[in-house]
C-alpha atoms as a PDB file:
ATOM      1  CA  MET A   1      15.878   8.064 -24.043  1.00  0.00           C
ATOM      2  CA  GLY A   2      16.650  11.313 -22.291  1.00  0.00           C
ATOM      3  CA  SER A   3      13.512  12.834 -23.785  1.00  0.00           C
ATOM      4  CA  THR A   4      11.396  10.259 -21.957  1.00  0.00           C
ATOM      5  CA  GLU A   5      12.357  11.778 -18.617  1.00  0.00           C
ATOM      6  CA  LYS A   6      11.531  15.239 -19.952  1.00  0.00           C
ATOM      7  CA  HIS A   7       8.035  14.078 -20.889  1.00  0.00           C
ATOM      8  CA  LEU A   8       7.471  12.687 -17.403  1.00  0.00           C
ATOM      9  CA  THR A   9       8.568  15.816 -15.597  1.00  0.00           C
ATOM     10  CA  GLU A  10       7.096  18.560 -17.756  1.00  0.00           C
ATOM     11  CA  PRO A  11       3.462  19.169 -18.790  1.00  0.00           C
ATOM     12  CA  VAL A  12       2.750  18.516 -22.433  1.00  0.00           C
ATOM     13  CA  ALA A  13       0.771  21.209 -24.201  1.00  0.00           C
ATOM     14  CA  ARG A  14       0.116  19.144 -27.308  1.00  0.00           C
ATOM     15  CA  GLN A  15       1.360  16.030 -28.953  1.00  0.00           C
ATOM     16  CA  PRO A  16       3.846  16.260 -31.789  1.00  0.00           C
ATOM     17  CA  ALA A  17       2.745  15.688 -35.347  1.00  0.00           C
ATOM     18  CA  GLY A  18       2.289  12.011 -36.129  1.00  0.00           C
ATOM     19  CA  SER A  19       1.268  11.063 -32.584  1.00  0.00           C
ATOM     20  CA  GLY A  20      -2.089   9.885 -33.889  1.00  0.00           C
ATOM     21  CA  ALA A  21      -0.458   6.775 -35.305  1.00  0.00           C
ATOM     22  CA  SER A  22      -1.678   3.474 -33.881  1.00  0.00           C
ATOM     23  CA  ASP A  23       0.194   1.949 -30.971  1.00  0.00           C
ATOM     24  CA  LEU A  24       1.158  -1.051 -33.071  1.00  0.00           C
ATOM     25  CA  ALA A  25       2.559   1.146 -35.832  1.00  0.00           C
ATOM     26  CA  LEU A  26       4.526   3.157 -33.300  1.00  0.00           C
ATOM     27  CA  ILE A  27       5.974   0.150 -31.531  1.00  0.00           C
ATOM     28  CA  LYS A  28       7.031  -1.294 -34.887  1.00  0.00           C
ATOM     29  CA  ARG A  29       8.880   1.949 -35.556  1.00  0.00           C
ATOM     30  CA  VAL A  30      10.534   1.629 -32.146  1.00  0.00           C
ATOM     31  CA  GLN A  31      11.606  -1.905 -33.023  1.00  0.00           C
ATOM     32  CA  GLN A  32      13.195  -0.507 -36.172  1.00  0.00           C
ATOM     33  CA  GLY A  33      15.273   1.922 -34.098  1.00  0.00           C
ATOM     34  CA  ASP A  34      13.047   5.019 -34.150  1.00  0.00           C
ATOM     35  CA  LYS A  35      13.360   6.412 -30.608  1.00  0.00           C
ATOM     36  CA  SER A  36      11.042   9.319 -31.375  1.00  0.00           C
ATOM     37  CA  ALA A  37       8.185   6.857 -31.897  1.00  0.00           C
ATOM     38  CA  PHE A  38       8.538   5.700 -28.302  1.00  0.00           C
ATOM     39  CA  ASP A  39       8.433   9.328 -27.160  1.00  0.00           C
ATOM     40  CA  LEU A  40       4.987   9.525 -28.758  1.00  0.00           C
ATOM     41  CA  LEU A  41       3.878   6.505 -26.750  1.00  0.00           C
ATOM     42  CA  VAL A  42       5.245   8.092 -23.571  1.00  0.00           C
ATOM     43  CA  ILE A  43       3.304  11.277 -24.285  1.00  0.00           C
ATOM     44  CA  LYS A  44       0.150   9.272 -24.955  1.00  0.00           C
ATOM     45  CA  TYR A  45       0.268   7.162 -21.810  1.00  0.00           C
ATOM     46  CA  GLN A  46       2.395   9.037 -19.265  1.00  0.00           C
ATOM     47  CA  HIS A  47      -0.527  10.442 -17.285  1.00  0.00           C
ATOM     48  CA  LYS A  48      -2.419   7.149 -17.150  1.00  0.00           C
ATOM     49  CA  ILE A  49       0.683   5.249 -16.085  1.00  0.00           C
ATOM     50  CA  LEU A  50       1.581   7.828 -13.439  1.00  0.00           C
ATOM     51  CA  LYS A  51      -1.976   7.751 -12.083  1.00  0.00           C
ATOM     52  CA  LEU A  52      -1.832   3.952 -11.994  1.00  0.00           C
ATOM     53  CA  ILE A  53       1.496   3.875 -10.160  1.00  0.00           C
ATOM     54  CA  MET A  54       0.301   6.426  -7.602  1.00  0.00           C
ATOM     55  CA  ARG A  55      -2.249   3.855  -6.455  1.00  0.00           C
ATOM     56  CA  TYR A  56       0.772   1.943  -5.144  1.00  0.00           C
ATOM     57  CA  VAL A  57       3.365   4.667  -4.544  1.00  0.00           C
ATOM     58  CA  ARG A  58       1.666   7.617  -2.898  1.00  0.00           C
ATOM     59  CA  ASP A  59       4.678   9.950  -2.877  1.00  0.00           C
ATOM     60  CA  SER A  60       4.462  11.881  -6.158  1.00  0.00           C
ATOM     61  CA  SER A  61       8.206  12.235  -6.697  1.00  0.00           C
ATOM     62  CA  GLU A  62       8.760   8.523  -6.054  1.00  0.00           C
ATOM     63  CA  ALA A  63       5.842   7.660  -8.312  1.00  0.00           C
ATOM     64  CA  MET A  64       7.378   9.724 -11.094  1.00  0.00           C
ATOM     65  CA  ASP A  65      10.664   7.864 -10.682  1.00  0.00           C
ATOM     66  CA  VAL A  66       8.833   4.536 -10.845  1.00  0.00           C
ATOM     67  CA  ALA A  67       6.934   5.676 -13.950  1.00  0.00           C
ATOM     68  CA  GLN A  68      10.228   6.670 -15.550  1.00  0.00           C
ATOM     69  CA  GLU A  69      11.666   3.252 -14.718  1.00  0.00           C
ATOM     70  CA  ALA A  70       8.577   1.515 -16.138  1.00  0.00           C
ATOM     71  CA  PHE A  71       8.868   3.356 -19.442  1.00  0.00           C
ATOM     72  CA  LEU A  72      12.583   2.591 -19.625  1.00  0.00           C
ATOM     73  CA  LYS A  73      11.832  -1.095 -19.042  1.00  0.00           C
ATOM     74  CA  ALA A  74       9.179  -0.972 -21.743  1.00  0.00           C
ATOM     75  CA  TYR A  75      11.604   0.661 -24.149  1.00  0.00           C
ATOM     76  CA  ARG A  76      14.248  -1.973 -23.506  1.00  0.00           C
ATOM     77  CA  ALA A  77      11.661  -4.743 -23.846  1.00  0.00           C
ATOM     78  CA  ALA A  78      10.126  -3.267 -27.015  1.00  0.00           C
ATOM     79  CA  PRO A  79      11.897  -5.760 -29.314  1.00  0.00           C
ATOM     80  CA  SER A  80      10.031  -8.578 -27.545  1.00  0.00           C
ATOM     81  CA  PHE A  81       6.575  -7.028 -28.101  1.00  0.00           C
ATOM     82  CA  ARG A  82       4.718  -9.167 -30.631  1.00  0.00           C
ATOM     83  CA  GLY A  83       1.242  -7.660 -30.497  1.00  0.00           C
ATOM     84  CA  ASP A  84      -0.376 -10.632 -28.752  1.00  0.00           C
ATOM     85  CA  SER A  85      -2.149  -8.101 -26.531  1.00  0.00           C
ATOM     86  CA  ALA A  86      -2.848  -4.375 -26.829  1.00  0.00           C
ATOM     87  CA  PHE A  87       0.216  -2.224 -26.248  1.00  0.00           C
ATOM     88  CA  TYR A  88      -1.372  -0.541 -23.219  1.00  0.00           C
ATOM     89  CA  THR A  89      -2.144  -3.910 -21.620  1.00  0.00           C
ATOM     90  CA  TRP A  90       1.517  -4.847 -22.072  1.00  0.00           C
ATOM     91  CA  LEU A  91       2.705  -1.469 -20.725  1.00  0.00           C
ATOM     92  CA  TYR A  92       0.210  -1.685 -17.858  1.00  0.00           C
ATOM     93  CA  ARG A  93       1.693  -4.990 -16.704  1.00  0.00           C
ATOM     94  CA  ILE A  94       5.210  -3.582 -16.825  1.00  0.00           C
ATOM     95  CA  ALA A  95       4.124  -0.567 -14.761  1.00  0.00           C
ATOM     96  CA  ILE A  96       2.352  -2.718 -12.167  1.00  0.00           C
ATOM     97  CA  ASN A  97       5.353  -5.017 -11.788  1.00  0.00           C
ATOM     98  CA  THR A  98       7.719  -2.056 -11.539  1.00  0.00           C
ATOM     99  CA  ALA A  99       5.583  -0.473  -8.828  1.00  0.00           C
ATOM    100  CA  LYS A 100       5.411  -3.746  -6.884  1.00  0.00           C
ATOM    101  CA  ASN A 101       9.155  -4.242  -7.173  1.00  0.00           C
ATOM    102  CA  HIS A 102       9.656  -0.725  -5.865  1.00  0.00           C
ATOM    103  CA  LEU A 103       7.476  -1.465  -2.837  1.00  0.00           C
ATOM    104  CA  VAL A 104       9.333  -4.692  -2.120  1.00  0.00           C
ATOM    105  CA  ALA A 105      12.674  -2.925  -2.357  1.00  0.00           C
ATOM    106  CA  ALA A 106      11.451  -0.171  -0.062  1.00  0.00           C
ATOM    107  CA  SER A 107       9.853  -2.691   2.341  1.00  0.00           C
ATOM    108  CA  ARG A 108       6.511  -0.979   1.990  1.00  0.00           C
ATOM    109  CA  ARG A 109       3.036  -2.366   2.107  1.00  0.00           C
ATOM    110  CA  PRO A 110       1.105  -2.278  -1.195  1.00  0.00           C
ATOM    111  CA  ALA A 111      -1.534   0.411  -1.541  1.00  0.00           C
ATOM    112  CA  HIS A 112      -5.139  -0.593  -0.925  1.00  0.00           C
ATOM    113  CA  TYR A 113      -7.401  -1.630  -3.733  1.00  0.00           C
ATOM    114  CA  ASN A 114     -10.361   0.750  -3.585  1.00  0.00           C
ATOM    115  CA  LEU A 115     -13.910  -0.523  -3.739  1.00  0.00           C
ATOM    116  CA  ASP A 116     -16.204   1.376  -6.114  1.00  0.00           C
ATOM    117  CA  THR A 117     -18.829   3.164  -4.017  1.00  0.00           C
ATOM    118  CA  GLN A 118     -21.032   3.635  -7.083  1.00  0.00           C
ATOM    119  CA  ASP A 119     -21.033  -0.020  -8.073  1.00  0.00           C
ATOM    120  CA  PRO A 120     -24.216  -1.769  -6.842  1.00  0.00           C
ATOM    121  CA  GLU A 121     -22.455  -5.135  -7.106  1.00  0.00           C
ATOM    122  CA  GLN A 122     -20.237  -4.049  -4.195  1.00  0.00           C
ATOM    123  CA  ALA A 123     -22.932  -2.376  -2.085  1.00  0.00           C
ATOM    124  CA  GLU A 124     -23.224  -5.272   0.362  1.00  0.00           C
ATOM    125  CA  VAL A 125     -19.474  -5.404   0.942  1.00  0.00           C
ATOM    126  CA  LEU A 126     -19.344  -1.644   1.449  1.00  0.00           C
ATOM    127  CA  THR A 127     -22.146  -1.803   4.000  1.00  0.00           C
ATOM    128  CA  ASP A 128     -20.185  -4.371   5.986  1.00  0.00           C
ATOM    129  CA  LEU A 129     -17.111  -2.132   5.926  1.00  0.00           C
ATOM    130  CA  ARG A 130     -18.827   0.991   7.285  1.00  0.00           C
ATOM    131  CA  ASP A 131     -18.248   0.326  10.965  1.00  0.00           C
ATOM    132  CA  LEU A 132     -14.527  -0.400  11.107  1.00  0.00           C
ATOM    133  CA  ASP A 133     -13.307   2.645  13.056  1.00  0.00           C
ATOM    134  CA  THR A 134     -12.720   0.865  16.380  1.00  0.00           C
ATOM    135  CA  PRO A 135      -9.314  -0.713  17.117  1.00  0.00           C
ATOM    136  CA  GLU A 136     -10.872  -4.108  16.556  1.00  0.00           C
ATOM    137  CA  GLY A 137     -12.482  -2.853  13.380  1.00  0.00           C
ATOM    138  CA  LEU A 138      -9.229  -1.374  12.115  1.00  0.00           C
ATOM    139  CA  ALA A 139      -7.460  -4.667  12.685  1.00  0.00           C
ATOM    140  CA  GLN A 140     -10.204  -6.440  10.783  1.00  0.00           C
ATOM    141  CA  SER A 141      -9.995  -3.826   8.029  1.00  0.00           C
ATOM    142  CA  GLU A 142      -6.292  -4.554   7.628  1.00  0.00           C
ATOM    143  CA  GLU A 143      -7.061  -8.272   7.404  1.00  0.00           C
ATOM    144  CA  ILE A 144      -9.638  -7.551   4.716  1.00  0.00           C
ATOM    145  CA  ARG A 145      -7.218  -5.445   2.695  1.00  0.00           C
ATOM    146  CA  GLU A 146      -4.605  -8.170   2.886  1.00  0.00           C
ATOM    147  CA  ALA A 147      -7.205 -10.733   1.846  1.00  0.00           C
ATOM    148  CA  VAL A 148      -8.252  -8.611  -1.131  1.00  0.00           C
ATOM    149  CA  ASN A 149      -4.628  -8.147  -2.198  1.00  0.00           C
ATOM    150  CA  ARG A 150      -3.998 -11.883  -1.832  1.00  0.00           C
ATOM    151  CA  ALA A 151      -7.118 -12.784  -3.807  1.00  0.00           C
ATOM    152  CA  ILE A 152      -6.164 -10.433  -6.640  1.00  0.00           C
ATOM    153  CA  ARG A 153      -2.604 -11.741  -6.778  1.00  0.00           C
ATOM    154  CA  GLU A 154      -3.883 -15.312  -7.082  1.00  0.00           C
ATOM    155  CA  LEU A 155      -6.328 -14.583  -9.919  1.00  0.00           C
ATOM    156  CA  PRO A 156      -5.567 -15.882 -13.409  1.00  0.00           C
ATOM    157  CA  GLU A 157      -3.914 -13.151 -15.428  1.00  0.00           C
ATOM    158  CA  GLU A 158      -6.926 -12.312 -17.615  1.00  0.00           C
ATOM    159  CA  LEU A 159      -9.181 -11.950 -14.540  1.00  0.00           C
ATOM    160  CA  ARG A 160      -6.578  -9.928 -12.639  1.00  0.00           C
ATOM    161  CA  THR A 161      -6.047  -7.565 -15.561  1.00  0.00           C
ATOM    162  CA  ALA A 162      -9.787  -7.047 -16.043  1.00  0.00           C
ATOM    163  CA  ILE A 163     -10.526  -6.303 -12.375  1.00  0.00           C
ATOM    164  CA  LEU A 164      -7.558  -3.964 -12.031  1.00  0.00           C
ATOM    165  CA  LEU A 165      -8.472  -2.052 -15.170  1.00  0.00           C
ATOM    166  CA  ARG A 166     -11.975  -1.662 -13.719  1.00  0.00           C
ATOM    167  CA  GLU A 167     -11.165  -0.904 -10.077  1.00  0.00           C
ATOM    168  CA  ILE A 168      -7.774   0.791 -10.315  1.00  0.00           C
ATOM    169  CA  GLU A 169      -7.966   2.453 -13.724  1.00  0.00           C
ATOM    170  CA  GLY A 170     -11.691   3.138 -13.505  1.00  0.00           C
ATOM    171  CA  MET A 171     -12.200   2.059 -17.100  1.00  0.00           C
ATOM    172  CA  SER A 172     -15.639   1.338 -18.525  1.00  0.00           C
ATOM    173  CA  TYR A 173     -16.432  -2.179 -19.705  1.00  0.00           C
ATOM    174  CA  GLU A 174     -16.167  -0.959 -23.299  1.00  0.00           C
ATOM    175  CA  GLU A 175     -12.717   0.548 -22.674  1.00  0.00           C
ATOM    176  CA  ILE A 176     -11.525  -2.651 -21.006  1.00  0.00           C
ATOM    177  CA  ALA A 177     -12.822  -4.681 -23.941  1.00  0.00           C
ATOM    178  CA  GLN A 178     -10.837  -2.495 -26.311  1.00  0.00           C
ATOM    179  CA  THR A 179      -7.699  -2.671 -24.172  1.00  0.00           C
ATOM    180  CA  MET A 180      -7.878  -6.432 -23.730  1.00  0.00           C
ATOM    181  CA  GLU A 181      -9.115  -6.979 -27.281  1.00  0.00           C
ATOM    182  CA  CYS A 182     -12.099  -9.101 -26.347  1.00  0.00           C
ATOM    183  CA  PRO A 183     -15.916  -8.740 -26.382  1.00  0.00           C
ATOM    184  CA  VAL A 184     -17.637  -6.690 -23.677  1.00  0.00           C
ATOM    185  CA  GLY A 185     -19.454  -9.837 -22.577  1.00  0.00           C
ATOM    186  CA  THR A 186     -16.130 -11.509 -21.909  1.00  0.00           C
ATOM    187  CA  VAL A 187     -15.026  -8.510 -19.838  1.00  0.00           C
ATOM    188  CA  ARG A 188     -18.200  -8.688 -17.743  1.00  0.00           C
ATOM    189  CA  SER A 189     -17.685 -12.404 -17.182  1.00  0.00           C
ATOM    190  CA  ARG A 190     -14.057 -11.929 -16.137  1.00  0.00           C
ATOM    191  CA  ILE A 191     -14.882  -9.128 -13.725  1.00  0.00           C
ATOM    192  CA  PHE A 192     -17.774 -11.120 -12.252  1.00  0.00           C
ATOM    193  CA  ARG A 193     -15.518 -14.149 -11.731  1.00  0.00           C
ATOM    194  CA  ALA A 194     -12.796 -11.974 -10.206  1.00  0.00           C
ATOM    195  CA  ARG A 195     -15.246 -10.401  -7.768  1.00  0.00           C
ATOM    196  CA  GLU A 196     -16.586 -13.813  -6.845  1.00  0.00           C
ATOM    197  CA  ALA A 197     -13.058 -14.951  -5.986  1.00  0.00           C
ATOM    198  CA  ILE A 198     -12.414 -11.821  -3.920  1.00  0.00           C
ATOM    199  CA  ASP A 199     -15.748 -12.180  -2.120  1.00  0.00           C
ATOM    200  CA  ARG A 200     -14.940 -15.792  -1.232  1.00  0.00           C
ATOM    201  CA  GLU A 201     -11.609 -14.676   0.210  1.00  0.00           C
ATOM    202  CA  ILE A 202     -13.025 -11.928   2.430  1.00  0.00           C
ATOM    203  CA  ALA A 203     -16.363 -13.542   3.327  1.00  0.00           C
ATOM    204  CA  PRO A 204     -15.005 -15.248   6.503  1.00  0.00           C
ATOM    205  CA  LEU A 205     -13.778 -11.838   7.735  1.00  0.00           C
ATOM    206  CA  LEU A 206     -17.116 -10.035   7.361  1.00  0.00           C
END
């Protein structure tokens, strides 16, 4: 697995031949002992995973270490992957948990979940958050962030994954549907329900 670290620390000009294989085919090769197949998965997803982790771990060198750890965990756990979800969804969960564990170990506060300024569904919330620059407002802002984090943590897994893919990854509904292997309508429903739960949590603070 030494090549995994190399992929995470050096820019990749192009993917090696055979990297177009499906994730499921690659992970099956990994399960059969082909380490090079996992390198292809690292190359494919390293930038997305690093970007995801940097939402939690803002220091780039630390984030790279966490990304490396996440890929190592995924490699070790590869034999347990059964294809019940898309490979990226599975890898995404490992990366999120690794980042959270890193924050706990470092006694750091989780990074904020960013509201989408272009999303009309969040316009009312954003309007309420405009005037939070006073000491009182900053204290309230911290309460709101904690409430959002708490609400997301308490969501059922399918709702939590959908809202994080939308808000943290910035994926389109179609991309989320492909990642979660469900219809776009289901994605919209999950995100709507997740936002409702978050709104209920922060409503008393606004």
